Amino acid sequence: MCNDDYNIECILKNNGYQNADNVAISFNSNGDDIIKESEIEHLNSGETCTVSVELTADEYACISDKTLYCEVTSSLSESDYGNNSKTIDLNKTTADGIHNWVKDEKSGKYICSICGKKIEDDYSGELKGLSLSLSDDIGLNFVMQLSDSLLIDKDNAYVEFTPEGSKKSTCVYLKDADKVNYNGSDCYSFKCRVNAAEMTKKVNAVLHCNDWTGQTYSYSVYDYASKILAEPESSEYN
């Protein structure tokens, strides 16, 4: 199962006909070096128990190839790495916990193979700041920090821009957005093109992915310029 703070819960069941002593579960990154381990000591035949271990951010960062191996041993069997181990792919994770996102062939949507959570339940995005680009046109850039689940589902994630009072909207997909480092964090910049005559008109920006809709943010080029003049050192308006 997947919980907050990189907490992993493993459900163990003794499928044998004998009670097991000295039951232990260990997690390692390469089959050798143990990162975490826990002892259950005794597990009766047919009995089920839940073991919980928590990875720190540093431990998670050090896992090579983001592959975690889970191995169970007991007095009933010697350590048989092939039969007693499970592999967890951590390449696709969220900031709130460990998930292995697998694309369902029928629905085309991602589901966590560890806990069964639907990927859309983990979507989140936050506006971190604004910027302005001037080239052949005026671009009001909405800089957003996105959850890892949105980054995985990038083909379906986009920001919809709608000028205030207009029924026409334009969309910028995540795969076409610019990845930027914003105050030390990885973010994505979505550019809304603005006509010179509409610099005082607010633009509504909404993040979407599949059936999920995020918060609406409303800003104009005039808002941005006013903030820059009033708060030139503000990190939100670079």
Protein backbone atom coordinates (compact mmCIF):
# COMPACT_ATOMS: atom_id res chain seq x y z
CA MET A 1 0.00 0.00 0.00
CA CYS A 2 1.06 3.61 -0.46
CA ASN A 3 0.86 6.22 2.27
CA ASP A 4 2.40 9.62 3.00
CA ASP A 5 6.11 10.21 3.69
CA TYR A 6 7.36 7.27 1.64
CA ASN A 7 5.71 4.83 4.05
CA ILE A 8 5.49 1.27 2.70
CA GLU A 9 3.06 -1.28 4.11
CA CYS A 10 3.53 -4.92 3.18
CA ILE A 11 0.96 -7.61 3.89
CA LEU A 12 2.51 -10.98 4.70
CA LYS A 13 0.66 -14.30 4.83
CA ASN A 14 1.95 -17.70 5.94
CA ASN A 15 0.63 -19.99 3.22
CA GLY A 16 2.39 -23.03 4.66
CA TYR A 17 1.07 -25.79 6.93
CA GLN A 18 3.49 -25.01 9.75
CA ASN A 19 3.86 -22.05 12.04
CA ALA A 20 6.87 -19.87 11.19
CA ASP A 21 9.38 -18.40 13.62
CA ASN A 22 12.02 -15.72 13.09
CA VAL A 23 10.02 -14.13 10.26
CA ALA A 24 11.84 -11.10 8.87
CA ILE A 25 11.29 -8.75 5.97
CA SER A 26 14.03 -6.62 4.43
CA PHE A 27 14.17 -3.95 1.74
CA ASN A 28 17.25 -3.40 -0.39
CA SER A 29 18.15 -1.58 -3.56
CA ASN A 30 20.42 -4.09 -5.27
CA GLY A 31 19.83 -7.46 -3.65
CA ASP A 32 22.64 -6.97 -1.13
CA ASP A 33 22.63 -3.76 0.91
CA ILE A 34 19.66 -3.68 3.30
CA ILE A 35 18.01 -0.27 3.55
CA LYS A 36 15.26 -1.21 5.99
CA GLU A 37 14.30 -4.38 7.82
CA SER A 38 11.68 -5.51 10.29
CA GLU A 39 11.12 -8.67 12.33
CA ILE A 40 7.71 -10.24 12.95
CA GLU A 41 9.19 -13.17 14.92
CA HIS A 42 6.16 -15.50 14.77
CA LEU A 43 3.51 -16.08 12.11
CA ASN A 44 1.05 -18.95 12.46
CA SER A 45 -0.06 -21.06 9.52
CA GLY A 46 -2.68 -19.13 7.52
CA GLU A 47 -2.10 -15.98 9.55
CA THR A 48 -1.73 -12.55 7.93
CA CYS A 49 0.08 -9.51 9.31
CA THR A 50 0.98 -6.02 8.10
CA VAL A 51 4.53 -4.69 8.29
CA SER A 52 5.23 -0.98 7.91
CA VAL A 53 8.57 0.68 7.15
CA GLU A 54 9.28 4.32 6.40
CA LEU A 55 11.91 5.59 3.98
CA THR A 56 13.51 8.95 4.58
CA ALA A 57 13.95 11.33 1.65
CA ASP A 58 17.70 10.58 1.68
CA GLU A 59 17.13 6.81 1.66
CA TYR A 60 14.68 7.14 -1.21
CA ALA A 61 17.11 9.33 -3.18
CA CYS A 62 19.89 6.74 -2.82
CA ILE A 63 17.90 3.83 -4.25
CA SER A 64 19.66 2.90 -7.47
CA ASP A 65 17.51 2.82 -10.60
CA LYS A 66 14.54 3.46 -8.30
CA THR A 67 14.05 -0.30 -7.91
CA LEU A 68 13.32 -1.61 -4.44
CA TYR A 69 13.52 -5.30 -3.54
CA CYS A 70 11.47 -6.78 -0.72
CA GLU A 71 12.68 -10.13 0.70
CA VAL A 72 11.04 -12.35 3.33
CA THR A 73 12.83 -15.05 5.35
CA SER A 74 11.75 -17.38 8.18
CA SER A 75 12.75 -20.53 10.04
CA LEU A 76 10.76 -22.60 7.54
CA SER A 77 12.98 -21.80 4.59
CA GLU A 78 16.43 -20.57 3.81
CA SER A 79 16.77 -17.25 2.08
CA ASP A 80 15.66 -18.02 -1.46
CA TYR A 81 16.01 -14.74 -3.29
CA GLY A 82 14.10 -15.90 -6.36
CA ASN A 83 11.07 -17.25 -4.50
CA ASN A 84 10.90 -14.98 -1.48
CA SER A 85 11.36 -11.57 -3.07
CA LYS A 86 9.19 -8.94 -4.72
CA THR A 87 10.32 -6.03 -6.87
CA ILE A 88 8.82 -2.54 -6.63
CA ASP A 89 9.49 -0.06 -9.44
CA LEU A 90 9.93 3.41 -7.91
CA ASN A 91 10.57 5.26 -11.17
CA LYS A 92 6.99 6.51 -11.13
CA THR A 93 6.39 8.07 -7.73
CA THR A 94 4.47 10.88 -6.15
CA ALA A 95 5.69 13.42 -3.65
CA ASP A 96 3.28 12.03 -1.05
CA GLY A 97 4.18 8.36 -1.26
CA ILE A 98 5.50 5.54 -3.34
CA HIS A 99 3.35 4.42 -6.25
CA ASN A 100 3.98 2.16 -9.20
CA TRP A 101 1.79 3.63 -11.93
CA VAL A 102 0.74 1.07 -14.53
CA LYS A 103 -1.38 1.94 -17.55
CA ASP A 104 -4.59 -0.06 -17.72
CA GLU A 105 -5.00 -1.41 -21.25
CA LYS A 106 -8.81 -1.20 -21.23
CA SER A 107 -9.33 2.28 -19.79
CA GLY A 108 -6.03 3.79 -20.91
CA LYS A 109 -5.62 5.31 -17.42
CA TYR A 110 -2.88 4.78 -14.86
CA ILE A 111 -3.49 2.75 -11.69
CA CYS A 112 -1.03 2.03 -8.87
CA SER A 113 -0.17 -1.67 -8.96
CA ILE A 114 0.80 -1.52 -5.27
CA CYS A 115 -2.31 -0.01 -3.70
CA GLY A 116 -4.84 0.26 -6.54
CA LYS A 117 -5.08 4.05 -6.32
CA LYS A 118 -6.24 5.83 -9.47
CA ILE A 119 -3.71 8.33 -10.77
CA GLU A 120 -6.32 11.11 -11.08
CA ASP A 121 -6.80 10.95 -7.29
CA ASP A 122 -3.22 12.15 -6.96
CA TYR A 123 -3.29 15.07 -9.40
CA SER A 124 -2.31 18.48 -8.04
CA GLY A 125 -0.87 21.69 -9.43
CA GLU A 126 -0.01 25.05 -7.92
CA LEU A 127 0.80 28.41 -9.49
CA LYS A 128 4.21 29.46 -8.17
CA GLY A 129 4.64 32.69 -10.11
CA LEU A 130 4.32 34.70 -13.31
CA SER A 131 6.76 35.97 -15.90
CA LEU A 132 6.54 38.01 -19.06
CA SER A 133 8.21 37.26 -22.39
CA LEU A 134 8.48 39.74 -25.23
CA SER A 135 9.47 38.57 -28.70
CA ASP A 136 7.18 38.58 -31.72
CA ASP A 137 4.25 38.70 -29.31
CA ILE A 138 3.51 39.27 -25.63
CA GLY A 139 3.57 36.14 -23.51
CA LEU A 140 2.15 35.98 -20.00
CA ASN A 141 3.76 32.86 -18.53
CA PHE A 142 2.05 30.94 -15.75
CA VAL A 143 4.73 29.01 -13.85
CA MET A 144 3.30 25.92 -12.13
CA GLN A 145 4.60 23.21 -9.87
CA LEU A 146 2.95 19.89 -10.71
CA SER A 147 2.57 16.56 -8.95
CA ASP A 148 4.56 13.63 -10.32
CA SER A 149 1.30 11.94 -11.30
CA LEU A 150 0.56 14.80 -13.71
CA LEU A 151 4.06 14.56 -15.14
CA ILE A 152 3.51 10.87 -15.83
CA ASP A 153 0.19 11.60 -17.51
CA LYS A 154 1.71 14.52 -19.45
CA ASP A 155 -0.01 13.67 -22.73
CA ASN A 156 -3.39 14.44 -21.13
CA ALA A 157 -2.39 17.38 -18.93
CA TYR A 158 -2.85 20.94 -20.18
CA VAL A 159 -3.63 24.52 -19.13
CA GLU A 160 -6.68 26.16 -20.68
CA PHE A 161 -6.46 29.94 -21.16
CA THR A 162 -9.66 31.96 -21.53
CA PRO A 163 -9.67 35.78 -21.75
CA GLU A 164 -12.17 37.30 -19.36
CA GLY A 165 -15.53 37.79 -21.09
CA SER A 166 -14.57 35.59 -24.03
CA LYS A 167 -15.93 32.19 -25.04
CA LYS A 168 -12.79 31.33 -27.02
CA SER A 169 -10.01 29.51 -25.24
CA THR A 170 -6.57 28.14 -26.11
CA CYS A 171 -4.81 25.15 -24.61
CA VAL A 172 -1.13 24.54 -23.91
CA TYR A 173 -0.28 20.91 -23.18
CA LEU A 174 2.26 19.94 -20.56
CA LYS A 175 4.39 18.20 -23.17
CA ASP A 176 4.72 21.59 -24.96
CA ALA A 177 5.41 23.63 -21.80
CA ASP A 178 8.91 24.75 -20.85
CA LYS A 179 10.54 23.10 -17.85
CA VAL A 180 12.11 25.78 -15.65
CA ASN A 181 13.93 25.97 -12.34
CA TYR A 182 11.87 28.35 -10.26
CA ASN A 183 13.36 29.34 -6.91
CA GLY A 184 15.08 25.97 -6.64
CA SER A 185 12.06 23.86 -7.68
CA ASP A 186 11.31 22.14 -10.97
CA CYS A 187 8.30 23.86 -12.51
CA TYR A 188 6.64 24.22 -15.89
CA SER A 189 5.93 27.47 -17.71
CA PHE A 190 2.72 27.69 -19.74
CA LYS A 191 2.69 30.63 -22.15
CA CYS A 192 -0.48 32.57 -22.91
CA ARG A 193 -0.18 34.87 -25.93
CA VAL A 194 -1.77 38.27 -25.33
CA ASN A 195 -2.66 40.96 -27.87
CA ALA A 196 -1.29 44.43 -27.10
CA ALA A 197 -4.86 45.79 -26.97
CA GLU A 198 -5.80 43.25 -24.26
CA MET A 199 -3.01 43.79 -21.74
CA THR A 200 -5.46 45.03 -19.11
CA LYS A 201 -7.84 42.11 -19.63
CA LYS A 202 -7.49 39.23 -17.20
CA VAL A 203 -6.82 35.72 -18.46
CA ASN A 204 -8.28 32.72 -16.64
CA ALA A 205 -5.83 29.81 -16.46
CA VAL A 206 -7.10 26.36 -15.46
CA LEU A 207 -5.10 23.14 -15.26
CA HIS A 208 -6.84 20.01 -16.60
CA CYS A 209 -6.00 16.34 -16.94
CA ASN A 210 -8.55 13.82 -18.18
CA ASP A 211 -11.70 14.53 -16.11
CA TRP A 212 -9.80 16.42 -13.39
CA THR A 213 -9.89 20.24 -13.16
CA GLY A 214 -7.65 22.32 -10.95
CA GLN A 215 -7.94 25.79 -9.47
CA THR A 216 -8.61 28.83 -11.67
CA TYR A 217 -5.97 31.58 -11.67
CA SER A 218 -6.82 35.02 -13.12
CA TYR A 219 -4.14 37.55 -14.07
CA SER A 220 -3.47 40.17 -16.73
CA VAL A 221 -0.28 41.63 -18.15
CA TYR A 222 -1.24 44.83 -16.34
CA ASP A 223 -1.47 42.91 -13.03
CA TYR A 224 2.00 41.53 -13.59
CA ALA A 225 3.50 44.91 -14.48
CA SER A 226 1.84 46.57 -11.47
CA LYS A 227 3.21 43.91 -9.12
CA ILE A 228 6.71 44.26 -10.54
CA LEU A 229 6.65 48.01 -9.96
CA ALA A 230 5.21 47.65 -6.47
CA GLU A 231 7.29 44.61 -5.39
CA PRO A 232 10.42 44.47 -7.59
CA GLU A 233 12.08 41.89 -5.31
CA SER A 234 9.12 39.52 -5.15
CA SER A 235 10.05 35.94 -6.09
CA GLU A 236 6.55 35.35 -7.42
CA TYR A 237 7.04 37.78 -10.31
CA ASN A 238 10.39 37.06 -11.96
